[in-house]
Amino acid sequence: MRIIIKFSRMSRQRCHVTGAVPSFGHSISHSHRRTKRRWDVNIQRKRYWVPSMGRHVTLHVSTKGIRIIDRDGIDAVVGRILARGEKV
């Protein structure tokens, strides 16, 4: 009896700030053979204190999203997320 264990890749989430999702394409070898591959977004789980809400918020953000939060402020970014109708 043979037991086969399959490890599925954990799906990467999308960025709450930029909406970035993984992109797909081909790896092309030296002999020009093409195999499927995907480019994952660098998603980080960050916890921010939002003064306007009076509580902490955990966001899944890309590194570009972290820079946007640093530039615009967490209140403005959370306001945009709520305006889109997403939960925070």
PDB file of N, CA and C in Angstrom:
ATOM      1  N   MET A   1       0.846  -1.179   0.000  1.00  0.00           N
ATOM      2  CA  MET A   1       0.000   0.000   0.000  1.00  0.00           C
ATOM      3  C   MET A   1       0.889   1.238   0.000  1.00  0.00           C
ATOM      4  N   ARG A   2       0.602   2.140  -0.893  1.00  0.00           N
ATOM      5  CA  ARG A   2       1.400   3.346  -1.025  1.00  0.00           C
ATOM      6  C   ARG A   2       0.577   4.549  -0.579  1.00  0.00           C
ATOM      7  N   ILE A   3       1.142   5.368   0.284  1.00  0.00           N
ATOM      8  CA  ILE A   3       0.460   6.568   0.763  1.00  0.00           C
ATOM      9  C   ILE A   3       1.084   7.767   0.066  1.00  0.00           C
ATOM     10  N   ILE A   4       0.241   8.531  -0.580  1.00  0.00           N
ATOM     11  CA  ILE A   4       0.711   9.733  -1.270  1.00  0.00           C
ATOM     12  C   ILE A   4       0.175  10.948  -0.529  1.00  0.00           C
ATOM     13  N   ILE A   5       1.070  11.806  -0.115  1.00  0.00           N
ATOM     14  CA  ILE A   5       0.687  13.030   0.579  1.00  0.00           C
ATOM     15  C   ILE A   5       0.940  14.189  -0.368  1.00  0.00           C
ATOM     16  N   LYS A   6      -0.098  14.927  -0.649  1.00  0.00           N
ATOM     17  CA  LYS A   6       0.036  16.091  -1.517  1.00  0.00           C
ATOM     18  C   LYS A   6       0.100  17.341  -0.657  1.00  0.00           C
ATOM     19  N   PHE A   7       1.068  18.173  -0.920  1.00  0.00           N
ATOM     20  CA  PHE A   7       1.176  19.443  -0.224  1.00  0.00           C
ATOM     21  C   PHE A   7       0.695  20.528  -1.173  1.00  0.00           C
ATOM     22  N   SER A   8      -0.442  21.096  -0.866  1.00  0.00           N
ATOM     23  CA  SER A   8      -0.916  22.184  -1.712  1.00  0.00           C
ATOM     24  C   SER A   8      -0.280  23.481  -1.245  1.00  0.00           C
ATOM     25  N   ARG A   9       0.013  24.331  -2.182  1.00  0.00           N
ATOM     26  CA  ARG A   9       0.594  25.621  -1.856  1.00  0.00           C
ATOM     27  C   ARG A   9      -0.463  26.508  -1.250  1.00  0.00           C
ATOM     28  N   MET A  10      -0.132  27.132  -0.136  1.00  0.00           N
ATOM     29  CA  MET A  10      -1.103  28.014   0.491  1.00  0.00           C
ATOM     30  C   MET A  10      -1.339  29.215  -0.429  1.00  0.00           C
ATOM     31  N   SER A  11      -2.586  29.495  -0.697  1.00  0.00           N
ATOM     32  CA  SER A  11      -2.872  30.591  -1.617  1.00  0.00           C
ATOM     33  C   SER A  11      -2.499  31.917  -0.966  1.00  0.00           C
ATOM     34  N   ARG A  12      -1.819  32.729  -1.721  1.00  0.00           N
ATOM     35  CA  ARG A  12      -1.433  34.046  -1.224  1.00  0.00           C
ATOM     36  C   ARG A  12      -2.625  34.976  -1.364  1.00  0.00           C
ATOM     37  N   GLN A  13      -2.828  35.790  -0.368  1.00  0.00           N
ATOM     38  CA  GLN A  13      -3.965  36.696  -0.419  1.00  0.00           C
ATOM     39  C   GLN A  13      -3.619  37.937  -1.223  1.00  0.00           C
ATOM     40  N   ARG A  14      -4.636  38.723  -1.475  1.00  0.00           N
ATOM     41  CA  ARG A  14      -4.410  39.969  -2.193  1.00  0.00           C
ATOM     42  C   ARG A  14      -4.115  41.072  -1.183  1.00  0.00           C
ATOM     43  N   CYS A  15      -3.465  42.106  -1.643  1.00  0.00           N
ATOM     44  CA  CYS A  15      -3.127  43.246  -0.793  1.00  0.00           C
ATOM     45  C   CYS A  15      -4.385  44.072  -0.548  1.00  0.00           C
ATOM     46  N   HIS A  16      -4.662  44.409   0.715  1.00  0.00           N
ATOM     47  CA  HIS A  16      -5.837  45.203   1.044  1.00  0.00           C
ATOM     48  C   HIS A  16      -5.708  46.647   0.560  1.00  0.00           C
ATOM     49  N   VAL A  17      -4.485  47.133   0.394  1.00  0.00           N
ATOM     50  CA  VAL A  17      -4.277  48.530   0.019  1.00  0.00           C
ATOM     51  C   VAL A  17      -4.224  48.688  -1.499  1.00  0.00           C
ATOM     52  N   THR A  18      -3.363  47.933  -2.161  1.00  0.00           N
ATOM     53  CA  THR A  18      -3.172  48.101  -3.599  1.00  0.00           C
ATOM     54  C   THR A  18      -4.009  47.146  -4.428  1.00  0.00           C
ATOM     55  N   GLY A  19      -4.503  46.071  -3.838  1.00  0.00           N
ATOM     56  CA  GLY A  19      -5.275  45.084  -4.582  1.00  0.00           C
ATOM     57  C   GLY A  19      -4.407  44.164  -5.418  1.00  0.00           C
ATOM     58  N   ALA A  20      -3.101  44.124  -5.149  1.00  0.00           N
ATOM     59  CA  ALA A  20      -2.179  43.311  -5.936  1.00  0.00           C
ATOM     60  C   ALA A  20      -2.446  41.823  -5.704  1.00  0.00           C
ATOM     61  N   VAL A  21      -2.453  41.055  -6.790  1.00  0.00           N
ATOM     62  CA  VAL A  21      -2.651  39.606  -6.747  1.00  0.00           C
ATOM     63  C   VAL A  21      -1.508  38.940  -7.504  1.00  0.00           C
ATOM     64  N   PRO A  22      -1.289  37.636  -7.295  1.00  0.00           N
ATOM     65  CA  PRO A  22      -0.219  36.963  -8.049  1.00  0.00           C
ATOM     66  C   PRO A  22      -0.454  37.027  -9.547  1.00  0.00           C
ATOM     67  N   SER A  23       0.651  37.103 -10.304  1.00  0.00           N
ATOM     68  CA  SER A  23       0.545  37.067 -11.761  1.00  0.00           C
ATOM     69  C   SER A  23       1.149  35.759 -12.259  1.00  0.00           C
ATOM     70  N   PHE A  24       0.733  35.336 -13.438  1.00  0.00           N
ATOM     71  CA  PHE A  24       1.120  34.041 -13.969  1.00  0.00           C
ATOM     72  C   PHE A  24       1.841  34.207 -15.292  1.00  0.00           C
ATOM     73  N   GLY A  25       2.656  33.230 -15.620  1.00  0.00           N
ATOM     74  CA  GLY A  25       3.375  33.259 -16.884  1.00  0.00           C
ATOM     75  C   GLY A  25       4.142  31.972 -17.082  1.00  0.00           C
ATOM     76  N   HIS A  26       5.230  32.039 -17.829  1.00  0.00           N
ATOM     77  CA  HIS A  26       6.046  30.872 -18.116  1.00  0.00           C
ATOM     78  C   HIS A  26       7.482  31.117 -17.676  1.00  0.00           C
ATOM     79  N   SER A  27       8.124  30.066 -17.180  1.00  0.00           N
ATOM     80  CA  SER A  27       9.572  30.053 -17.047  1.00  0.00           C
ATOM     81  C   SER A  27      10.107  29.527 -18.358  1.00  0.00           C
ATOM     82  N   ILE A  28      11.074  30.198 -18.925  1.00  0.00           N
ATOM     83  CA  ILE A  28      11.625  29.763 -20.205  1.00  0.00           C
ATOM     84  C   ILE A  28      13.070  29.354 -19.982  1.00  0.00           C
ATOM     85  N   SER A  29      13.367  28.091 -20.246  1.00  0.00           N
ATOM     86  CA  SER A  29      14.702  27.558 -20.025  1.00  0.00           C
ATOM     87  C   SER A  29      15.638  27.966 -21.162  1.00  0.00           C
ATOM     88  N   HIS A  30      16.879  27.553 -21.042  1.00  0.00           N
ATOM     89  CA  HIS A  30      17.862  27.867 -22.069  1.00  0.00           C
ATOM     90  C   HIS A  30      17.482  27.218 -23.398  1.00  0.00           C
ATOM     91  N   SER A  31      16.877  26.029 -23.325  1.00  0.00           N
ATOM     92  CA  SER A  31      16.442  25.340 -24.549  1.00  0.00           C
ATOM     93  C   SER A  31      15.087  25.835 -25.024  1.00  0.00           C
ATOM     94  N   HIS A  32      14.550  26.852 -24.358  1.00  0.00           N
ATOM     95  CA  HIS A  32      13.292  27.515 -24.698  1.00  0.00           C
ATOM     96  C   HIS A  32      12.059  26.658 -24.408  1.00  0.00           C
ATOM     97  N   ARG A  33      12.190  25.710 -23.494  1.00  0.00           N
ATOM     98  CA  ARG A  33      11.011  24.970 -23.030  1.00  0.00           C
ATOM     99  C   ARG A  33      10.271  25.869 -22.066  1.00  0.00           C
ATOM    100  N   ARG A  34       8.946  25.832 -22.095  1.00  0.00           N
ATOM    101  CA  ARG A  34       8.149  26.707 -21.237  1.00  0.00           C
ATOM    102  C   ARG A  34       7.416  25.877 -20.193  1.00  0.00           C
ATOM    103  N   THR A  35       7.531  26.302 -18.955  1.00  0.00           N
ATOM    104  CA  THR A  35       6.781  25.674 -17.870  1.00  0.00           C
ATOM    105  C   THR A  35       6.031  26.772 -17.130  1.00  0.00           C
ATOM    106  N   LYS A  36       4.866  26.409 -16.616  1.00  0.00           N
ATOM    107  CA  LYS A  36       4.034  27.384 -15.909  1.00  0.00           C
ATOM    108  C   LYS A  36       4.709  27.818 -14.618  1.00  0.00           C
ATOM    109  N   ARG A  37       4.546  29.079 -14.273  1.00  0.00           N
ATOM    110  CA  ARG A  37       5.033  29.573 -12.989  1.00  0.00           C
ATOM    111  C   ARG A  37       4.168  30.737 -12.555  1.00  0.00           C
ATOM    112  N   ARG A  38       4.354  31.166 -11.310  1.00  0.00           N
ATOM    113  CA  ARG A  38       3.611  32.328 -10.836  1.00  0.00           C
ATOM    114  C   ARG A  38       4.528  33.220 -10.024  1.00  0.00           C
ATOM    115  N   TRP A  39       4.265  34.505 -10.118  1.00  0.00           N
ATOM    116  CA  TRP A  39       4.990  35.498  -9.361  1.00  0.00           C
ATOM    117  C   TRP A  39       4.083  35.941  -8.224  1.00  0.00           C
ATOM    118  N   ASP A  40       4.476  35.596  -6.995  1.00  0.00           N
ATOM    119  CA  ASP A  40       3.670  35.958  -5.837  1.00  0.00           C
ATOM    120  C   ASP A  40       4.005  37.379  -5.389  1.00  0.00           C
ATOM    121  N   VAL A  41       3.004  38.046  -4.849  1.00  0.00           N
ATOM    122  CA  VAL A  41       3.174  39.378  -4.292  1.00  0.00           C
ATOM    123  C   VAL A  41       3.756  39.219  -2.890  1.00  0.00           C
ATOM    124  N   ASN A  42       4.628  40.127  -2.495  1.00  0.00           N
ATOM    125  CA  ASN A  42       5.249  40.057  -1.174  1.00  0.00           C
ATOM    126  C   ASN A  42       4.252  40.556  -0.126  1.00  0.00           C
ATOM    127  N   ILE A  43       3.373  39.666   0.327  1.00  0.00           N
ATOM    128  CA  ILE A  43       2.308  40.018   1.265  1.00  0.00           C
ATOM    129  C   ILE A  43       2.806  39.856   2.692  1.00  0.00           C
ATOM    130  N   GLN A  44       2.599  40.879   3.483  1.00  0.00           N
ATOM    131  CA  GLN A  44       2.947  40.868   4.902  1.00  0.00           C
ATOM    132  C   GLN A  44       1.684  41.077   5.723  1.00  0.00           C
ATOM    133  N   ARG A  45       1.647  40.489   6.893  1.00  0.00           N
ATOM    134  CA  ARG A  45       0.512  40.705   7.796  1.00  0.00           C
ATOM    135  C   ARG A  45       0.948  41.739   8.822  1.00  0.00           C
ATOM    136  N   LYS A  46       0.315  42.906   8.797  1.00  0.00           N
ATOM    137  CA  LYS A  46       0.716  44.009   9.670  1.00  0.00           C
ATOM    138  C   LYS A  46      -0.452  44.436  10.540  1.00  0.00           C
ATOM    139  N   ARG A  47      -0.147  44.821  11.763  1.00  0.00           N
ATOM    140  CA  ARG A  47      -1.152  45.284  12.713  1.00  0.00           C
ATOM    141  C   ARG A  47      -0.912  46.772  12.955  1.00  0.00           C
ATOM    142  N   TYR A  48      -1.923  47.583  12.695  1.00  0.00           N
ATOM    143  CA  TYR A  48      -1.816  49.030  12.835  1.00  0.00           C
ATOM    144  C   TYR A  48      -2.815  49.526  13.871  1.00  0.00           C
ATOM    145  N   TRP A  49      -2.438  50.580  14.585  1.00  0.00           N
ATOM    146  CA  TRP A  49      -3.365  51.280  15.475  1.00  0.00           C
ATOM    147  C   TRP A  49      -4.019  52.382  14.659  1.00  0.00           C
ATOM    148  N   VAL A  50      -5.372  52.365  14.612  1.00  0.00           N
ATOM    149  CA  VAL A  50      -6.120  53.368  13.862  1.00  0.00           C
ATOM    150  C   VAL A  50      -6.781  54.293  14.873  1.00  0.00           C
ATOM    151  N   PRO A  51      -6.275  55.527  15.045  1.00  0.00           N
ATOM    152  CA  PRO A  51      -6.810  56.437  16.055  1.00  0.00           C
ATOM    153  C   PRO A  51      -8.276  56.808  15.831  1.00  0.00           C
ATOM    154  N   SER A  52      -8.692  56.943  14.562  1.00  0.00           N
ATOM    155  CA  SER A  52     -10.082  57.349  14.298  1.00  0.00           C
ATOM    156  C   SER A  52     -11.073  56.260  14.710  1.00  0.00           C
ATOM    157  N   MET A  53     -10.668  55.000  14.641  1.00  0.00           N
ATOM    158  CA  MET A  53     -11.535  53.900  15.035  1.00  0.00           C
ATOM    159  C   MET A  53     -11.331  53.513  16.498  1.00  0.00           C
ATOM    160  N   GLY A  54     -10.188  53.907  17.056  1.00  0.00           N
ATOM    161  CA  GLY A  54      -9.883  53.587  18.445  1.00  0.00           C
ATOM    162  C   GLY A  54      -9.551  52.122  18.681  1.00  0.00           C
ATOM    163  N   ARG A  55      -9.005  51.460  17.665  1.00  0.00           N
ATOM    164  CA  ARG A  55      -8.659  50.047  17.811  1.00  0.00           C
ATOM    165  C   ARG A  55      -7.547  49.668  16.842  1.00  0.00           C
ATOM    166  N   HIS A  56      -7.007  48.458  17.045  1.00  0.00           N
ATOM    167  CA  HIS A  56      -6.006  47.922  16.137  1.00  0.00           C
ATOM    168  C   HIS A  56      -6.693  47.267  14.945  1.00  0.00           C
ATOM    169  N   VAL A  57      -6.021  47.311  13.795  1.00  0.00           N
ATOM    170  CA  VAL A  57      -6.524  46.696  12.574  1.00  0.00           C
ATOM    171  C   VAL A  57      -5.393  45.851  12.001  1.00  0.00           C
ATOM    172  N   THR A  58      -5.700  44.606  11.640  1.00  0.00           N
ATOM    173  CA  THR A  58      -4.717  43.744  10.995  1.00  0.00           C
ATOM    174  C   THR A  58      -5.002  43.726   9.500  1.00  0.00           C
ATOM    175  N   LEU A  59      -3.993  44.086   8.714  1.00  0.00           N
ATOM    176  CA  LEU A  59      -4.134  44.149   7.267  1.00  0.00           C
ATOM    177  C   LEU A  59      -3.134  43.216   6.607  1.00  0.00           C
ATOM    178  N   HIS A  60      -3.525  42.634   5.475  1.00  0.00           N
ATOM    179  CA  HIS A  60      -2.599  41.906   4.613  1.00  0.00           C
ATOM    180  C   HIS A  60      -2.170  42.893   3.537  1.00  0.00           C
ATOM    181  N   VAL A  61      -0.934  43.360   3.631  1.00  0.00           N
ATOM    182  CA  VAL A  61      -0.475  44.409   2.720  1.00  0.00           C
ATOM    183  C   VAL A  61       0.813  43.984   2.038  1.00  0.00           C
ATOM    184  N   SER A  62       0.982  44.444   0.808  1.00  0.00           N
ATOM    185  CA  SER A  62       2.243  44.242   0.098  1.00  0.00           C
ATOM    186  C   SER A  62       3.236  45.278   0.612  1.00  0.00           C
ATOM    187  N   THR A  63       4.490  45.116   0.239  1.00  0.00           N
ATOM    188  CA  THR A  63       5.499  46.076   0.679  1.00  0.00           C
ATOM    189  C   THR A  63       5.233  47.446   0.067  1.00  0.00           C
ATOM    190  N   LYS A  64       4.665  47.481  -1.145  1.00  0.00           N
ATOM    191  CA  LYS A  64       4.280  48.757  -1.738  1.00  0.00           C
ATOM    192  C   LYS A  64       3.136  49.374  -0.935  1.00  0.00           C
ATOM    193  N   GLY A  65       2.209  48.540  -0.453  1.00  0.00           N
ATOM    194  CA  GLY A  65       1.106  49.019   0.385  1.00  0.00           C
ATOM    195  C   GLY A  65       1.599  49.606   1.695  1.00  0.00           C
ATOM    196  N   ILE A  66       2.651  49.024   2.270  1.00  0.00           N
ATOM    197  CA  ILE A  66       3.235  49.554   3.510  1.00  0.00           C
ATOM    198  C   ILE A  66       3.792  50.948   3.261  1.00  0.00           C
ATOM    199  N   ARG A  67       4.441  51.140   2.107  1.00  0.00           N
ATOM    200  CA  ARG A  67       4.979  52.466   1.773  1.00  0.00           C
ATOM    201  C   ARG A  67       3.855  53.475   1.567  1.00  0.00           C
ATOM    202  N   ILE A  68       2.736  53.037   0.984  1.00  0.00           N
ATOM    203  CA  ILE A  68       1.594  53.937   0.802  1.00  0.00           C
ATOM    204  C   ILE A  68       1.018  54.344   2.146  1.00  0.00           C
ATOM    205  N   ILE A  69       0.938  53.394   3.091  1.00  0.00           N
ATOM    206  CA  ILE A  69       0.439  53.715   4.436  1.00  0.00           C
ATOM    207  C   ILE A  69       1.380  54.692   5.122  1.00  0.00           C
ATOM    208  N   ASP A  70       2.688  54.507   4.970  1.00  0.00           N
ATOM    209  CA  ASP A  70       3.653  55.442   5.556  1.00  0.00           C
ATOM    210  C   ASP A  70       3.509  56.833   4.945  1.00  0.00           C
ATOM    211  N   ARG A  71       3.219  56.907   3.656  1.00  0.00           N
ATOM    212  CA  ARG A  71       3.114  58.189   2.961  1.00  0.00           C
ATOM    213  C   ARG A  71       1.812  58.917   3.290  1.00  0.00           C
ATOM    214  N   ASP A  72       0.667  58.205   3.188  1.00  0.00           N
ATOM    215  CA  ASP A  72      -0.634  58.849   3.318  1.00  0.00           C
ATOM    216  C   ASP A  72      -1.204  58.829   4.726  1.00  0.00           C
ATOM    217  N   GLY A  73      -0.761  57.889   5.552  1.00  0.00           N
ATOM    218  CA  GLY A  73      -1.308  57.752   6.897  1.00  0.00           C
ATOM    219  C   GLY A  73      -2.346  56.638   6.948  1.00  0.00           C
ATOM    220  N   ILE A  74      -2.414  55.977   8.088  1.00  0.00           N
ATOM    221  CA  ILE A  74      -3.298  54.821   8.225  1.00  0.00           C
ATOM    222  C   ILE A  74      -4.768  55.223   8.176  1.00  0.00           C
ATOM    223  N   ASP A  75      -5.120  56.401   8.711  1.00  0.00           N
ATOM    224  CA  ASP A  75      -6.527  56.826   8.696  1.00  0.00           C
ATOM    225  C   ASP A  75      -7.043  56.995   7.265  1.00  0.00           C
ATOM    226  N   ALA A  76      -6.244  57.613   6.407  1.00  0.00           N
ATOM    227  CA  ALA A  76      -6.658  57.828   5.023  1.00  0.00           C
ATOM    228  C   ALA A  76      -6.791  56.512   4.271  1.00  0.00           C
ATOM    229  N   VAL A  77      -5.854  55.599   4.498  1.00  0.00           N
ATOM    230  CA  VAL A  77      -5.873  54.319   3.798  1.00  0.00           C
ATOM    231  C   VAL A  77      -7.055  53.468   4.264  1.00  0.00           C
ATOM    232  N   VAL A  78      -7.309  53.440   5.565  1.00  0.00           N
ATOM    233  CA  VAL A  78      -8.446  52.668   6.082  1.00  0.00           C
ATOM    234  C   VAL A  78      -9.757  53.270   5.577  1.00  0.00           C
ATOM    235  N   GLY A  79      -9.810  54.587   5.455  1.00  0.00           N
ATOM    236  CA  GLY A  79     -10.992  55.242   4.897  1.00  0.00           C
ATOM    237  C   GLY A  79     -11.262  54.797   3.468  1.00  0.00           C
ATOM    238  N   ARG A  80     -10.193  54.676   2.658  1.00  0.00           N
ATOM    239  CA  ARG A  80     -10.347  54.212   1.279  1.00  0.00           C
ATOM    240  C   ARG A  80     -10.807  52.754   1.227  1.00  0.00           C
ATOM    241  N   ILE A  81     -10.267  51.925   2.127  1.00  0.00           N
ATOM    242  CA  ILE A  81     -10.659  50.508   2.167  1.00  0.00           C
ATOM    243  C   ILE A  81     -12.126  50.384   2.538  1.00  0.00           C
ATOM    244  N   LEU A  82     -12.568  51.159   3.521  1.00  0.00           N
ATOM    245  CA  LEU A  82     -13.970  51.112   3.936  1.00  0.00           C
ATOM    246  C   LEU A  82     -14.891  51.669   2.851  1.00  0.00           C
ATOM    247  N   ALA A  83     -14.432  52.669   2.099  1.00  0.00           N
ATOM    248  CA  ALA A  83     -15.227  53.233   1.020  1.00  0.00           C
ATOM    249  C   ALA A  83     -15.462  52.236  -0.104  1.00  0.00           C
ATOM    250  N   ARG A  84     -14.501  51.322  -0.300  1.00  0.00           N
ATOM    251  CA  ARG A  84     -14.669  50.269  -1.307  1.00  0.00           C
ATOM    252  C   ARG A  84     -15.637  49.192  -0.841  1.00  0.00           C
ATOM    253  N   GLY A  85     -15.984  49.206   0.440  1.00  0.00           N
ATOM    254  CA  GLY A  85     -16.930  48.227   0.970  1.00  0.00           C
ATOM    255  C   GLY A  85     -16.286  46.989   1.545  1.00  0.00           C
ATOM    256  N   GLU A  86     -14.954  47.018   1.745  1.00  0.00           N
ATOM    257  CA  GLU A  86     -14.265  45.874   2.338  1.00  0.00           C
ATOM    258  C   GLU A  86     -14.302  45.968   3.853  1.00  0.00           C
ATOM    259  N   LYS A  87     -14.220  44.808   4.511  1.00  0.00           N
ATOM    260  CA  LYS A  87     -14.162  44.786   5.964  1.00  0.00           C
ATOM    261  C   LYS A  87     -12.748  45.074   6.417  1.00  0.00           C
ATOM    262  N   VAL A  88     -12.623  45.702   7.580  1.00  0.00           N
ATOM    263  CA  VAL A  88     -11.314  45.963   8.166  1.00  0.00           C
ATOM    264  C   VAL A  88     -11.277  45.364   9.541  1.00  0.00           C
TER     265      VAL A  88
END
